[in-house]
Amino acid sequence: MKIHRINSTVVACAAIFTVSEAEAVVVAEYSVTGGFLASSDSDAGSTDSDVSIPGSPTILITSSELLSIRASSSVGINSRDDAVTNNISFSLTVTPGAQPLDFTSFGGDVGKNGSTSTRGWRLVSSLTGATVLAENTNIAQAVTAFSTTSGSTDLSGVTALQGVTTPVTFTFYANTGSGTGNNGRSVDFDNLVFNANVPESGSAAVGMISLIALLRRKRA
């Protein structure tokens, strides 16, 4: 019986080839300036839509350098469930490029305007359906960094948001706490950002080049 010795050089090269490095990137970034609602993200690995709203009864106001969401006086909004039922929301869509996206987190600032009534927000996505990714039931008056009362700003444990190769739409619902009229009450957002890990496209090619070079050296 012949025993074939495995060439250690080949093993080493194969290991190099299979290593896949990931790069942490900002895949969507929205800073509201003068009503400009397009993403300022420059990452070439994905494309992002402008912020969009569903129309009435959602009212979008950007004159204060914030993305302010209000409800029209035709509906009463007193909870996040009311916001979902009446679609008081805004959305943005991230489309992966050649490499899949592993979403890791989101962030931004949020506050309320118009009175001290209880207000909050909820985040869902097209890939996770009605599942609540994160929400806050009672946000502060001042516009400050996101905090959550359930869910998390960490998206790395959401299976459906790992290895994403198709467009994904994120929707924020806003409980404007406006009762039977909008009363000038809003939920104000700014500096929205979504982060992801993207495989480095050159890692596999580098591994193959290393494999070929070492095999040639061994034969020589």
N, C-alpha and C. Protein backbone atom coordinates (compact mmCIF):
# COMPACT_ATOMS: atom_id res chain seq x y z
N MET A 1 0.84 -1.19 0.00
CA MET A 1 0.00 0.00 0.00
C MET A 1 0.88 1.24 0.00
N LYS A 2 0.59 2.14 -0.92
CA LYS A 2 1.35 3.38 -0.98
C LYS A 2 0.73 4.45 -0.09
N ILE A 3 1.59 5.10 0.64
CA ILE A 3 1.15 6.21 1.47
C ILE A 3 1.56 7.51 0.78
N HIS A 4 0.59 8.32 0.45
CA HIS A 4 0.86 9.58 -0.25
C HIS A 4 1.04 10.69 0.78
N ARG A 5 2.18 11.31 0.72
CA ARG A 5 2.47 12.40 1.64
C ARG A 5 1.86 13.70 1.09
N ILE A 6 1.13 14.36 1.94
CA ILE A 6 0.52 15.63 1.54
C ILE A 6 1.56 16.73 1.60
N ASN A 7 1.74 17.40 0.50
CA ASN A 7 2.72 18.47 0.41
C ASN A 7 2.31 19.63 1.33
N SER A 8 3.16 19.95 2.29
CA SER A 8 2.82 20.99 3.26
C SER A 8 2.66 22.36 2.60
N THR A 9 3.40 22.56 1.50
CA THR A 9 3.29 23.83 0.79
C THR A 9 1.90 24.01 0.22
N VAL A 10 1.36 22.91 -0.35
CA VAL A 10 0.02 22.96 -0.93
C VAL A 10 -1.01 23.25 0.14
N VAL A 11 -0.85 22.61 1.31
CA VAL A 11 -1.77 22.84 2.42
C VAL A 11 -1.75 24.30 2.83
N ALA A 12 -0.55 24.86 2.94
CA ALA A 12 -0.42 26.25 3.34
C ALA A 12 -1.07 27.18 2.34
N CYS A 13 -0.87 26.85 1.05
CA CYS A 13 -1.45 27.69 0.00
C CYS A 13 -2.96 27.60 0.01
N ALA A 14 -3.47 26.39 0.22
CA ALA A 14 -4.92 26.21 0.26
C ALA A 14 -5.52 27.00 1.40
N ALA A 15 -4.80 27.06 2.52
CA ALA A 15 -5.28 27.83 3.67
C ALA A 15 -5.35 29.30 3.33
N ILE A 16 -4.31 29.76 2.61
CA ILE A 16 -4.30 31.16 2.20
C ILE A 16 -5.49 31.45 1.30
N PHE A 17 -5.76 30.51 0.39
CA PHE A 17 -6.83 30.71 -0.58
C PHE A 17 -8.20 30.78 0.07
N THR A 18 -8.42 30.03 1.14
CA THR A 18 -9.74 29.96 1.74
C THR A 18 -10.02 31.06 2.76
N VAL A 19 -8.98 31.80 3.15
CA VAL A 19 -9.19 32.89 4.09
C VAL A 19 -9.98 34.00 3.41
N SER A 20 -11.04 34.44 4.02
CA SER A 20 -11.86 35.51 3.47
C SER A 20 -11.90 36.66 4.46
N GLU A 21 -11.33 37.79 4.09
CA GLU A 21 -11.31 38.93 4.96
C GLU A 21 -12.52 39.81 4.69
N ALA A 22 -13.00 40.45 5.73
CA ALA A 22 -14.16 41.34 5.59
C ALA A 22 -13.77 42.75 5.97
N GLU A 23 -14.32 43.70 5.26
CA GLU A 23 -14.05 45.11 5.52
C GLU A 23 -15.30 45.77 6.10
N ALA A 24 -15.16 46.47 7.22
CA ALA A 24 -16.28 47.17 7.83
C ALA A 24 -16.49 48.49 7.11
N VAL A 25 -17.69 48.70 6.58
CA VAL A 25 -17.97 49.92 5.82
C VAL A 25 -19.31 50.52 6.22
N VAL A 26 -19.46 51.79 5.96
CA VAL A 26 -20.75 52.47 6.08
C VAL A 26 -21.47 52.29 4.75
N VAL A 27 -22.61 51.61 4.76
CA VAL A 27 -23.31 51.33 3.50
C VAL A 27 -24.46 52.29 3.25
N ALA A 28 -24.85 53.08 4.24
CA ALA A 28 -25.88 54.11 4.05
C ALA A 28 -25.69 55.19 5.10
N GLU A 29 -25.77 56.45 4.69
CA GLU A 29 -25.57 57.55 5.62
C GLU A 29 -26.41 58.74 5.17
N TYR A 30 -27.25 59.23 6.06
CA TYR A 30 -28.16 60.32 5.73
C TYR A 30 -28.04 61.42 6.78
N SER A 31 -27.52 62.56 6.37
CA SER A 31 -27.48 63.75 7.22
C SER A 31 -28.35 64.80 6.55
N VAL A 32 -29.44 65.16 7.20
CA VAL A 32 -30.42 66.04 6.58
C VAL A 32 -29.88 67.47 6.57
N THR A 33 -29.67 68.00 5.39
CA THR A 33 -29.18 69.38 5.24
C THR A 33 -30.00 70.07 4.17
N GLY A 34 -30.72 71.10 4.56
CA GLY A 34 -31.50 71.86 3.59
C GLY A 34 -32.51 71.02 2.83
N GLY A 35 -33.07 70.00 3.49
CA GLY A 35 -34.07 69.17 2.84
C GLY A 35 -33.49 68.12 1.93
N PHE A 36 -32.16 67.97 1.93
CA PHE A 36 -31.51 66.99 1.06
C PHE A 36 -31.57 65.62 1.72
N LEU A 37 -32.28 64.67 1.08
CA LEU A 37 -32.54 63.38 1.71
C LEU A 37 -31.86 62.23 0.99
N ALA A 38 -30.79 62.50 0.27
CA ALA A 38 -30.03 61.45 -0.40
C ALA A 38 -28.89 60.98 0.51
N SER A 39 -28.48 59.74 0.33
CA SER A 39 -27.38 59.21 1.13
C SER A 39 -26.06 59.86 0.70
N SER A 40 -25.23 60.18 1.68
CA SER A 40 -23.91 60.73 1.39
C SER A 40 -22.83 59.67 1.43
N ASP A 41 -23.23 58.40 1.59
CA ASP A 41 -22.28 57.29 1.64
C ASP A 41 -21.55 57.16 0.30
N SER A 42 -20.23 56.97 0.36
CA SER A 42 -19.43 56.86 -0.86
C SER A 42 -18.89 55.45 -1.09
N ASP A 43 -19.33 54.49 -0.29
CA ASP A 43 -18.86 53.12 -0.45
C ASP A 43 -19.31 52.56 -1.80
N ALA A 44 -18.36 52.02 -2.56
CA ALA A 44 -18.66 51.52 -3.90
C ALA A 44 -19.34 50.15 -3.87
N GLY A 45 -19.41 49.54 -2.69
CA GLY A 45 -19.95 48.19 -2.60
C GLY A 45 -21.46 48.12 -2.50
N SER A 46 -22.14 49.29 -2.50
CA SER A 46 -23.59 49.29 -2.40
C SER A 46 -24.12 50.62 -2.92
N THR A 47 -25.41 50.65 -3.23
CA THR A 47 -26.07 51.90 -3.60
C THR A 47 -27.27 52.09 -2.70
N ASP A 48 -27.63 53.35 -2.44
CA ASP A 48 -28.69 53.66 -1.49
C ASP A 48 -29.73 54.58 -2.14
N SER A 49 -30.97 54.35 -1.79
CA SER A 49 -32.04 55.20 -2.29
C SER A 49 -32.13 56.49 -1.49
N ASP A 50 -32.85 57.47 -2.01
CA ASP A 50 -33.22 58.62 -1.21
C ASP A 50 -34.22 58.17 -0.15
N VAL A 51 -34.32 58.94 0.92
CA VAL A 51 -35.37 58.69 1.91
C VAL A 51 -36.72 58.92 1.24
N SER A 52 -37.66 58.01 1.48
CA SER A 52 -38.98 58.15 0.88
C SER A 52 -40.05 58.03 1.95
N ILE A 53 -41.19 58.68 1.72
CA ILE A 53 -42.33 58.58 2.63
C ILE A 53 -43.52 58.05 1.84
N PRO A 54 -44.47 57.41 2.52
CA PRO A 54 -45.60 56.81 1.82
C PRO A 54 -46.67 57.80 1.38
N GLY A 55 -46.54 59.06 1.78
CA GLY A 55 -47.59 60.04 1.46
C GLY A 55 -48.58 60.15 2.61
N SER A 56 -49.69 60.85 2.37
CA SER A 56 -50.69 61.07 3.40
C SER A 56 -51.16 59.75 4.01
N PRO A 57 -51.28 59.69 5.37
CA PRO A 57 -51.27 60.82 6.31
C PRO A 57 -49.90 61.17 6.90
N THR A 58 -48.80 60.61 6.32
CA THR A 58 -47.48 60.99 6.80
C THR A 58 -47.09 62.35 6.22
N ILE A 59 -46.60 63.22 7.07
CA ILE A 59 -46.14 64.53 6.63
C ILE A 59 -44.65 64.63 6.93
N LEU A 60 -43.87 64.99 5.93
CA LEU A 60 -42.42 65.12 6.08
C LEU A 60 -42.04 66.59 6.09
N ILE A 61 -41.29 67.01 7.11
CA ILE A 61 -40.84 68.39 7.22
C ILE A 61 -39.32 68.38 7.39
N THR A 62 -38.60 69.13 6.57
CA THR A 62 -37.14 69.14 6.66
C THR A 62 -36.56 70.54 6.83
N SER A 63 -37.41 71.54 7.04
CA SER A 63 -36.94 72.92 7.11
C SER A 63 -36.02 73.20 8.28
N SER A 64 -36.08 72.36 9.32
CA SER A 64 -35.28 72.58 10.52
C SER A 64 -33.96 71.81 10.49
N GLU A 65 -33.53 71.35 9.30
CA GLU A 65 -32.32 70.55 9.16
C GLU A 65 -32.46 69.19 9.83
N LEU A 66 -33.70 68.79 10.07
CA LEU A 66 -33.98 67.48 10.62
C LEU A 66 -35.02 66.79 9.74
N LEU A 67 -35.03 65.48 9.77
CA LEU A 67 -36.07 64.73 9.08
C LEU A 67 -37.20 64.56 10.09
N SER A 68 -38.19 65.44 10.00
CA SER A 68 -39.27 65.47 10.99
C SER A 68 -40.52 64.79 10.43
N ILE A 69 -41.01 63.80 11.15
CA ILE A 69 -42.19 63.05 10.73
C ILE A 69 -43.39 63.46 11.57
N ARG A 70 -44.46 63.88 10.90
CA ARG A 70 -45.72 64.21 11.57
C ARG A 70 -46.85 63.41 10.95
N ALA A 71 -47.96 63.34 11.66
CA ALA A 71 -49.18 62.72 11.13
C ALA A 71 -50.19 63.81 10.84
N SER A 72 -50.95 63.64 9.77
CA SER A 72 -51.98 64.63 9.47
C SER A 72 -53.08 64.55 10.52
N SER A 73 -53.89 65.58 10.58
CA SER A 73 -54.94 65.65 11.59
C SER A 73 -56.07 64.65 11.34
N SER A 74 -55.99 63.91 10.23
CA SER A 74 -57.05 62.95 9.91
C SER A 74 -56.92 61.65 10.69
N VAL A 75 -55.80 61.44 11.35
CA VAL A 75 -55.60 60.20 12.11
C VAL A 75 -55.13 60.51 13.52
N GLY A 76 -55.37 59.60 14.43
CA GLY A 76 -54.90 59.73 15.80
C GLY A 76 -53.76 58.77 16.05
N ILE A 77 -52.61 59.27 16.43
CA ILE A 77 -51.42 58.44 16.64
C ILE A 77 -50.98 58.56 18.09
N ASN A 78 -51.12 57.45 18.82
CA ASN A 78 -50.74 57.45 20.23
C ASN A 78 -49.81 56.29 20.60
N SER A 79 -49.41 55.50 19.62
CA SER A 79 -48.53 54.37 19.90
C SER A 79 -47.79 53.98 18.63
N ARG A 80 -46.79 53.14 18.78
CA ARG A 80 -46.06 52.65 17.62
C ARG A 80 -46.96 51.76 16.75
N ASP A 81 -47.87 51.02 17.39
CA ASP A 81 -48.83 50.21 16.62
C ASP A 81 -49.74 51.10 15.78
N ASP A 82 -50.17 52.25 16.33
CA ASP A 82 -50.95 53.21 15.56
C ASP A 82 -50.14 53.69 14.35
N ALA A 83 -48.86 53.91 14.57
CA ALA A 83 -47.99 54.39 13.48
C ALA A 83 -47.90 53.34 12.37
N VAL A 84 -47.80 52.07 12.75
CA VAL A 84 -47.74 50.99 11.76
C VAL A 84 -49.07 50.90 11.01
N THR A 85 -50.18 50.92 11.74
CA THR A 85 -51.50 50.81 11.12
C THR A 85 -51.74 51.92 10.10
N ASN A 86 -51.31 53.13 10.42
CA ASN A 86 -51.54 54.28 9.55
C ASN A 86 -50.34 54.63 8.66
N ASN A 87 -49.31 53.79 8.77
CA ASN A 87 -48.10 53.94 7.95
C ASN A 87 -47.46 55.32 8.11
N ILE A 88 -47.31 55.75 9.35
CA ILE A 88 -46.59 56.99 9.64
C ILE A 88 -45.12 56.63 9.69
N SER A 89 -44.44 56.82 8.58
CA SER A 89 -43.12 56.22 8.45
C SER A 89 -42.29 56.90 7.37
N PHE A 90 -41.03 56.47 7.29
CA PHE A 90 -40.18 56.77 6.13
C PHE A 90 -39.28 55.56 5.91
N SER A 91 -38.77 55.42 4.69
CA SER A 91 -37.99 54.24 4.33
C SER A 91 -36.74 54.62 3.55
N LEU A 92 -35.80 53.70 3.53
CA LEU A 92 -34.60 53.81 2.70
C LEU A 92 -34.21 52.41 2.26
N THR A 93 -33.62 52.30 1.09
CA THR A 93 -33.28 50.99 0.54
C THR A 93 -31.79 50.93 0.23
N VAL A 94 -31.16 49.83 0.66
CA VAL A 94 -29.75 49.57 0.39
C VAL A 94 -29.66 48.40 -0.59
N THR A 95 -28.94 48.60 -1.69
CA THR A 95 -28.77 47.56 -2.70
C THR A 95 -27.32 47.12 -2.73
N PRO A 96 -27.03 45.84 -2.41
CA PRO A 96 -25.65 45.35 -2.43
C PRO A 96 -25.06 45.41 -3.84
N GLY A 97 -23.74 45.53 -3.90
CA GLY A 97 -23.03 45.47 -5.17
C GLY A 97 -22.64 44.04 -5.49
N ALA A 98 -21.40 43.84 -5.92
CA ALA A 98 -20.95 42.52 -6.32
C ALA A 98 -20.75 41.58 -5.14
N GLN A 99 -20.52 42.14 -3.96
CA GLN A 99 -20.27 41.34 -2.77
C GLN A 99 -21.48 41.39 -1.83
N PRO A 100 -21.78 40.30 -1.11
CA PRO A 100 -22.88 40.31 -0.15
C PRO A 100 -22.58 41.21 1.04
N LEU A 101 -23.62 41.68 1.69
CA LEU A 101 -23.47 42.54 2.86
C LEU A 101 -23.88 41.80 4.13
N ASP A 102 -23.06 41.90 5.15
CA ASP A 102 -23.40 41.41 6.49
C ASP A 102 -23.65 42.65 7.36
N PHE A 103 -24.92 42.99 7.58
CA PHE A 103 -25.22 44.19 8.35
C PHE A 103 -24.81 44.00 9.80
N THR A 104 -24.16 45.00 10.35
CA THR A 104 -23.65 44.92 11.72
C THR A 104 -24.37 45.84 12.70
N SER A 105 -24.80 47.02 12.24
CA SER A 105 -25.42 47.96 13.18
C SER A 105 -26.07 49.12 12.42
N PHE A 106 -26.86 49.89 13.15
CA PHE A 106 -27.37 51.16 12.63
C PHE A 106 -27.26 52.19 13.74
N GLY A 107 -27.33 53.44 13.36
CA GLY A 107 -27.23 54.49 14.37
C GLY A 107 -27.85 55.78 13.85
N GLY A 108 -27.78 56.80 14.67
CA GLY A 108 -28.35 58.09 14.30
C GLY A 108 -28.82 58.84 15.53
N ASP A 109 -29.54 59.92 15.29
CA ASP A 109 -30.06 60.76 16.36
C ASP A 109 -31.58 60.89 16.21
N VAL A 110 -32.26 61.03 17.33
CA VAL A 110 -33.72 61.17 17.30
C VAL A 110 -34.18 62.00 18.49
N GLY A 111 -35.26 62.73 18.31
CA GLY A 111 -35.83 63.52 19.39
C GLY A 111 -37.29 63.84 19.06
N LYS A 112 -37.92 64.69 19.86
CA LYS A 112 -39.32 65.02 19.62
C LYS A 112 -39.52 66.52 19.72
N ASN A 113 -40.57 67.00 19.07
CA ASN A 113 -40.84 68.43 19.02
C ASN A 113 -42.34 68.68 19.17
N GLY A 114 -42.70 69.80 19.78
CA GLY A 114 -44.10 70.19 19.82
C GLY A 114 -44.76 70.10 21.17
N SER A 115 -44.34 69.18 22.02
CA SER A 115 -44.86 69.07 23.38
C SER A 115 -44.08 67.97 24.07
N THR A 116 -44.47 67.66 25.29
CA THR A 116 -43.78 66.61 26.04
C THR A 116 -44.50 65.27 25.96
N SER A 117 -45.47 65.13 25.05
CA SER A 117 -46.20 63.87 24.95
C SER A 117 -45.26 62.71 24.64
N THR A 118 -45.66 61.52 25.07
CA THR A 118 -44.85 60.32 24.85
C THR A 118 -44.78 60.00 23.36
N ARG A 119 -43.57 59.81 22.88
CA ARG A 119 -43.36 59.46 21.48
C ARG A 119 -42.25 58.43 21.34
N GLY A 120 -42.23 57.74 20.19
CA GLY A 120 -41.23 56.70 19.99
C GLY A 120 -41.09 56.34 18.53
N TRP A 121 -40.29 55.30 18.26
CA TRP A 121 -40.04 54.85 16.89
C TRP A 121 -39.87 53.34 16.87
N ARG A 122 -39.97 52.76 15.68
CA ARG A 122 -39.80 51.32 15.48
C ARG A 122 -39.12 51.09 14.15
N LEU A 123 -38.18 50.14 14.11
CA LEU A 123 -37.47 49.81 12.88
C LEU A 123 -37.78 48.38 12.44
N VAL A 124 -38.16 48.21 11.18
CA VAL A 124 -38.37 46.89 10.57
C VAL A 124 -37.64 46.88 9.22
N SER A 125 -37.59 45.71 8.58
CA SER A 125 -36.97 45.63 7.27
C SER A 125 -37.77 44.71 6.36
N SER A 126 -37.55 44.84 5.06
CA SER A 126 -38.25 44.01 4.08
C SER A 126 -37.82 42.56 4.15
N LEU A 127 -36.65 42.28 4.71
CA LEU A 127 -36.17 40.90 4.80
C LEU A 127 -36.57 40.20 6.09
N THR A 128 -37.11 40.97 7.03
CA THR A 128 -37.52 40.38 8.32
C THR A 128 -39.01 40.59 8.60
N GLY A 129 -39.73 41.16 7.65
CA GLY A 129 -41.18 41.30 7.79
C GLY A 129 -41.57 42.19 8.95
N ALA A 130 -42.58 41.74 9.70
CA ALA A 130 -43.10 42.54 10.81
C ALA A 130 -42.25 42.44 12.07
N THR A 131 -41.22 41.60 12.05
CA THR A 131 -40.34 41.46 13.21
C THR A 131 -39.71 42.80 13.55
N VAL A 132 -39.82 43.20 14.82
CA VAL A 132 -39.26 44.48 15.26
C VAL A 132 -37.75 44.31 15.48
N LEU A 133 -36.96 45.02 14.69
CA LEU A 133 -35.52 44.97 14.85
C LEU A 133 -35.09 45.77 16.08
N ALA A 134 -35.72 46.92 16.26
CA ALA A 134 -35.42 47.78 17.40
C ALA A 134 -36.52 48.81 17.54
N GLU A 135 -36.70 49.33 18.76
CA GLU A 135 -37.67 50.40 18.97
C GLU A 135 -37.38 51.10 20.29
N ASN A 136 -37.96 52.29 20.42
CA ASN A 136 -37.91 53.02 21.67
C ASN A 136 -39.31 53.55 21.96
N THR A 137 -39.80 53.28 23.15
CA THR A 137 -41.18 53.64 23.49
C THR A 137 -41.34 55.07 23.99
N ASN A 138 -40.23 55.70 24.39
CA ASN A 138 -40.35 57.03 25.00
C ASN A 138 -39.05 57.80 24.79
N ILE A 139 -38.94 58.47 23.66
CA ILE A 139 -37.71 59.17 23.34
C ILE A 139 -37.61 60.50 24.09
N ALA A 140 -36.40 61.02 24.18
CA ALA A 140 -36.15 62.28 24.87
C ALA A 140 -36.58 63.46 24.02
N GLN A 141 -36.72 64.61 24.65
CA GLN A 141 -37.10 65.81 23.92
C GLN A 141 -35.98 66.24 22.97
N ALA A 142 -34.77 66.31 23.49
CA ALA A 142 -33.64 66.74 22.67
C ALA A 142 -33.25 65.65 21.69
N VAL A 143 -32.72 66.06 20.54
CA VAL A 143 -32.25 65.11 19.53
C VAL A 143 -30.92 64.54 19.99
N THR A 144 -30.93 63.26 20.36
CA THR A 144 -29.74 62.59 20.87
C THR A 144 -29.59 61.23 20.20
N ALA A 145 -28.47 60.56 20.46
CA ALA A 145 -28.17 59.28 19.83
C ALA A 145 -29.25 58.24 20.13
N PHE A 146 -29.49 57.37 19.15
CA PHE A 146 -30.47 56.29 19.32
C PHE A 146 -30.20 55.48 20.58
N SER A 147 -31.26 55.18 21.30
CA SER A 147 -31.23 54.17 22.36
C SER A 147 -32.49 53.33 22.17
N THR A 148 -32.50 52.13 22.70
CA THR A 148 -33.63 51.24 22.47
C THR A 148 -34.23 50.75 23.78
N THR A 149 -35.55 50.54 23.76
CA THR A 149 -36.20 49.90 24.90
C THR A 149 -36.47 48.43 24.61
N SER A 150 -36.37 48.04 23.35
CA SER A 150 -36.39 46.62 22.96
C SER A 150 -35.65 46.50 21.65
N GLY A 151 -35.15 45.29 21.38
CA GLY A 151 -34.30 45.13 20.21
C GLY A 151 -32.96 45.79 20.46
N SER A 152 -32.21 46.02 19.39
CA SER A 152 -30.86 46.54 19.54
C SER A 152 -30.43 47.27 18.28
N THR A 153 -29.50 48.21 18.44
CA THR A 153 -28.89 48.84 17.27
C THR A 153 -27.87 47.90 16.63
N ASP A 154 -27.57 46.79 17.30
CA ASP A 154 -26.66 45.76 16.77
C ASP A 154 -27.46 44.81 15.87
N LEU A 155 -27.11 44.76 14.59
CA LEU A 155 -27.83 43.92 13.63
C LEU A 155 -27.07 42.64 13.27
N SER A 156 -25.90 42.44 13.88
CA SER A 156 -25.05 41.31 13.48
C SER A 156 -25.67 39.96 13.81
N GLY A 157 -26.61 39.93 14.76
CA GLY A 157 -27.24 38.66 15.12
C GLY A 157 -28.53 38.38 14.37
N VAL A 158 -28.90 39.26 13.43
CA VAL A 158 -30.12 39.07 12.65
C VAL A 158 -29.78 38.25 11.41
N THR A 159 -30.15 36.98 11.41
CA THR A 159 -29.74 36.05 10.36
C THR A 159 -30.12 36.54 8.96
N ALA A 160 -31.33 37.07 8.82
CA ALA A 160 -31.81 37.50 7.51
C ALA A 160 -31.03 38.68 6.94
N LEU A 161 -30.27 39.39 7.80
CA LEU A 161 -29.50 40.54 7.35
C LEU A 161 -28.02 40.23 7.19
N GLN A 162 -27.70 38.92 7.10
CA GLN A 162 -26.33 38.48 6.86
C GLN A 162 -26.26 37.85 5.47
N GLY A 163 -25.19 38.13 4.76
CA GLY A 163 -25.03 37.59 3.41
C GLY A 163 -26.08 38.11 2.45
N VAL A 164 -26.48 39.37 2.62
CA VAL A 164 -27.55 39.95 1.81
C VAL A 164 -27.05 40.25 0.40
N THR A 165 -27.75 39.74 -0.61
CA THR A 165 -27.37 39.95 -2.00
C THR A 165 -28.45 40.68 -2.80
N THR A 166 -29.59 40.93 -2.19
CA THR A 166 -30.70 41.61 -2.86
C THR A 166 -31.04 42.90 -2.11
N PRO A 167 -31.74 43.83 -2.74
CA PRO A 167 -32.08 45.09 -2.06
C PRO A 167 -32.87 44.84 -0.77
N VAL A 168 -32.56 45.61 0.25
CA VAL A 168 -33.28 45.53 1.52
C VAL A 168 -33.76 46.93 1.89
N THR A 169 -35.03 47.03 2.23
CA THR A 169 -35.63 48.31 2.62
C THR A 169 -35.83 48.35 4.13
N PHE A 170 -35.30 49.39 4.75
CA PHE A 170 -35.47 49.62 6.18
C PHE A 170 -36.55 50.70 6.36
N THR A 171 -37.50 50.43 7.26
CA THR A 171 -38.59 51.37 7.49
C THR A 171 -38.63 51.77 8.96
N PHE A 172 -38.64 53.06 9.21
CA PHE A 172 -38.81 53.61 10.55
C PHE A 172 -40.25 54.09 10.70
N TYR A 173 -40.96 53.55 11.69
CA TYR A 173 -42.30 54.05 12.04
C TYR A 173 -42.16 55.03 13.19
N ALA A 174 -42.98 56.09 13.16
CA ALA A 174 -42.88 57.14 14.17
C ALA A 174 -44.19 57.31 14.91
N ASN A 175 -44.15 57.06 16.23
CA ASN A 175 -45.29 57.39 17.09
C ASN A 175 -45.18 58.87 17.41
N THR A 176 -45.99 59.67 16.73
CA THR A 176 -45.90 61.13 16.89
C THR A 176 -46.65 61.64 18.12
N GLY A 177 -47.37 60.76 18.82
CA GLY A 177 -48.06 61.16 20.03
C GLY A 177 -49.01 62.31 19.81
N SER A 178 -49.65 62.31 18.63
CA SER A 178 -50.42 63.49 18.23
C SER A 178 -51.89 63.41 18.54
N GLY A 179 -52.33 62.32 19.17
CA GLY A 179 -53.74 62.22 19.54
C GLY A 179 -54.66 62.35 18.34
N THR A 180 -55.67 63.19 18.41
CA THR A 180 -56.64 63.32 17.33
C THR A 180 -56.26 64.39 16.30
N GLY A 181 -55.10 65.00 16.44
CA GLY A 181 -54.62 65.99 15.48
C GLY A 181 -53.13 66.08 15.59
N ASN A 182 -52.46 66.63 14.57
CA ASN A 182 -50.99 66.60 14.65
C ASN A 182 -50.44 67.56 15.70
N ASN A 183 -51.17 68.64 16.01
CA ASN A 183 -50.78 69.54 17.11
C ASN A 183 -49.33 70.00 17.03
N GLY A 184 -48.76 69.99 15.83
CA GLY A 184 -47.37 70.41 15.68
C GLY A 184 -46.37 69.43 16.25
N ARG A 185 -46.82 68.23 16.59
CA ARG A 185 -45.92 67.25 17.22
C ARG A 185 -45.24 66.39 16.15
N SER A 186 -43.97 66.12 16.37
CA SER A 186 -43.23 65.34 15.39
C SER A 186 -42.20 64.47 16.09
N VAL A 187 -41.67 63.50 15.33
CA VAL A 187 -40.49 62.75 15.73
C VAL A 187 -39.40 63.14 14.74
N ASP A 188 -38.26 63.60 15.27
CA ASP A 188 -37.21 64.20 14.45
C ASP A 188 -35.99 63.29 14.37
N PHE A 189 -35.54 62.99 13.16
CA PHE A 189 -34.39 62.11 12.93
C PHE A 189 -33.26 62.88 12.25
N ASP A 190 -32.04 62.41 12.49
CA ASP A 190 -30.88 63.00 11.80
C ASP A 190 -29.72 62.01 11.87
N ASN A 191 -28.75 62.20 10.96
CA ASN A 191 -27.49 61.44 10.97
C ASN A 191 -27.70 59.92 10.97
N LEU A 192 -28.63 59.46 10.15
CA LEU A 192 -28.89 58.02 10.07
C LEU A 192 -27.74 57.31 9.37
N VAL A 193 -27.35 56.16 9.89
CA VAL A 193 -26.25 55.41 9.31
C VAL A 193 -26.49 53.91 9.48
N PHE A 194 -26.16 53.14 8.45
CA PHE A 194 -26.19 51.68 8.52
C PHE A 194 -24.80 51.16 8.17
N ASN A 195 -24.32 50.22 8.99
CA ASN A 195 -22.98 49.67 8.82
C ASN A 195 -23.05 48.19 8.46
N ALA A 196 -22.04 47.72 7.71
CA ALA A 196 -22.01 46.31 7.31
C ALA A 196 -20.57 45.86 7.09
N ASN A 197 -20.37 44.57 7.11
CA ASN A 197 -19.10 43.98 6.70
C ASN A 197 -19.25 43.49 5.27
N VAL A 198 -18.23 43.77 4.45
CA VAL A 198 -18.24 43.37 3.05
C VAL A 198 -16.96 42.58 2.79
N PRO A 199 -17.06 41.36 2.21
CA PRO A 199 -15.84 40.61 1.89
C PRO A 199 -14.95 41.42 0.95
N GLU A 200 -13.65 41.41 1.22
CA GLU A 200 -12.73 42.12 0.35
C GLU A 200 -12.58 41.34 -0.94
N SER A 201 -12.91 41.96 -2.06
CA SER A 201 -12.95 41.27 -3.34
C SER A 201 -11.60 40.75 -3.77
N GLY A 202 -10.51 41.34 -3.28
CA GLY A 202 -9.19 40.91 -3.73
C GLY A 202 -8.61 39.75 -2.94
N SER A 203 -9.23 39.34 -1.83
CA SER A 203 -8.62 38.33 -0.96
C SER A 203 -8.51 36.98 -1.66
N ALA A 204 -9.55 36.57 -2.39
CA ALA A 204 -9.50 35.27 -3.07
C ALA A 204 -8.46 35.28 -4.18
N ALA A 205 -8.37 36.41 -4.90
CA ALA A 205 -7.40 36.51 -5.99
C ALA A 205 -5.98 36.45 -5.45
N VAL A 206 -5.73 37.12 -4.34
CA VAL A 206 -4.41 37.08 -3.72
C VAL A 206 -4.06 35.66 -3.32
N GLY A 207 -5.03 34.94 -2.77
CA GLY A 207 -4.80 33.55 -2.38
C GLY A 207 -4.44 32.69 -3.56
N MET A 208 -5.12 32.84 -4.69
CA MET A 208 -4.83 32.05 -5.87
C MET A 208 -3.44 32.36 -6.41
N ILE A 209 -3.07 33.65 -6.46
CA ILE A 209 -1.74 34.02 -6.93
C ILE A 209 -0.67 33.40 -6.05
N SER A 210 -0.89 33.43 -4.73
CA SER A 210 0.08 32.84 -3.80
C SER A 210 0.20 31.34 -4.03
N LEU A 211 -0.92 30.69 -4.27
CA LEU A 211 -0.93 29.25 -4.50
C LEU A 211 -0.11 28.90 -5.73
N ILE A 212 -0.34 29.62 -6.83
CA ILE A 212 0.38 29.34 -8.07
C ILE A 212 1.86 29.60 -7.91
N ALA A 213 2.21 30.71 -7.28
CA ALA A 213 3.62 31.07 -7.11
C ALA A 213 4.36 30.04 -6.28
N LEU A 214 3.78 29.57 -5.20
CA LEU A 214 4.46 28.62 -4.35
C LEU A 214 4.58 27.26 -5.00
N LEU A 215 3.59 26.85 -5.77
CA LEU A 215 3.67 25.57 -6.46
C LEU A 215 4.77 25.60 -7.52
N ARG A 216 4.89 26.72 -8.22
CA ARG A 216 5.95 26.83 -9.22
C ARG A 216 7.32 26.79 -8.58
N ARG A 217 7.44 27.47 -7.43
CA ARG A 217 8.72 27.49 -6.71
C ARG A 217 9.10 26.08 -6.25
N LYS A 218 8.09 25.30 -5.82
CA LYS A 218 8.33 23.95 -5.33
C LYS A 218 8.82 23.06 -6.46
N ARG A 219 8.19 23.21 -7.65
CA ARG A 219 8.58 22.38 -8.78
C ARG A 219 9.99 22.72 -9.28
N ALA A 220 10.37 24.03 -9.17
CA ALA A 220 11.68 24.44 -9.62
C ALA A 220 12.78 23.87 -8.71
